[in-house]
């Protein structure tokens, strides 16, 4: 979902780890983090938007 100038990456349950959001972000504001179980999920840095 798009919220303002950035993609909403807040729901990691819906994330499959494909990193498509990272690839389409023209501002390099999305990066993948790893949770305590080793699953990767996106995190958005809104200051880069």
Protein backbone atom coordinates (compact mmCIF):
# COMPACT_ATOMS: atom_id res chain seq x y z
CA UNK A 1 0.00 0.00 0.00
CA UNK A 2 1.25 3.49 -0.77
CA UNK A 3 1.01 6.05 2.05
CA UNK A 4 2.05 9.59 1.17
CA UNK A 5 5.47 9.43 -0.45
CA UNK A 6 6.41 5.94 0.66
CA UNK A 7 5.22 2.35 0.64
CA UNK A 8 3.70 1.03 3.84
CA UNK A 9 6.01 -1.81 4.89
CA UNK A 10 4.73 -2.03 8.45
CA UNK A 11 2.95 -5.38 8.28
CA UNK A 12 5.67 -8.02 8.13
CA UNK A 13 3.08 -10.82 8.35
CA UNK A 14 2.07 -10.03 4.75
CA UNK A 15 5.69 -9.93 3.55
CA UNK A 16 7.02 -12.94 1.64
CA UNK A 17 10.60 -11.60 1.54
CA UNK A 18 10.71 -11.13 -2.24
CA UNK A 19 12.40 -7.71 -1.90
CA UNK A 20 10.29 -6.24 -4.75
CA UNK A 21 9.63 -3.16 -2.60
CA UNK A 22 13.38 -2.62 -2.19
CA UNK A 23 13.88 -2.88 -5.96
CA UNK A 24 11.12 -0.41 -6.91
CA UNK A 25 11.97 2.26 -4.33
CA UNK A 26 13.65 5.06 -6.26
CA UNK A 27 14.97 6.72 -3.09
CA UNK A 28 16.67 3.65 -1.57
CA UNK A 29 14.52 4.17 1.51
CA UNK A 30 13.57 0.51 2.01
CA UNK A 31 15.95 -2.09 3.36
CA UNK A 32 15.48 -5.63 4.54
CA UNK A 33 15.93 -6.48 8.21
CA UNK A 34 16.02 -9.89 9.85
CA UNK A 35 13.86 -10.81 12.83
CA UNK A 36 14.86 -13.07 15.72
CA UNK A 37 13.75 -16.16 13.77
CA UNK A 38 15.77 -15.28 10.68
CA UNK A 39 12.89 -14.08 8.51
CA UNK A 40 13.60 -11.01 6.39
CA UNK A 41 11.14 -8.11 6.25
CA UNK A 42 11.22 -4.55 4.86
CA UNK A 43 11.77 -1.40 6.89
CA UNK A 44 11.18 2.08 5.47
CA UNK A 45 13.25 5.15 6.30
CA UNK A 46 10.68 7.91 5.76
CA UNK A 47 13.35 10.61 5.96
CA UNK A 48 14.74 9.48 2.59
CA UNK A 49 11.42 9.96 0.80
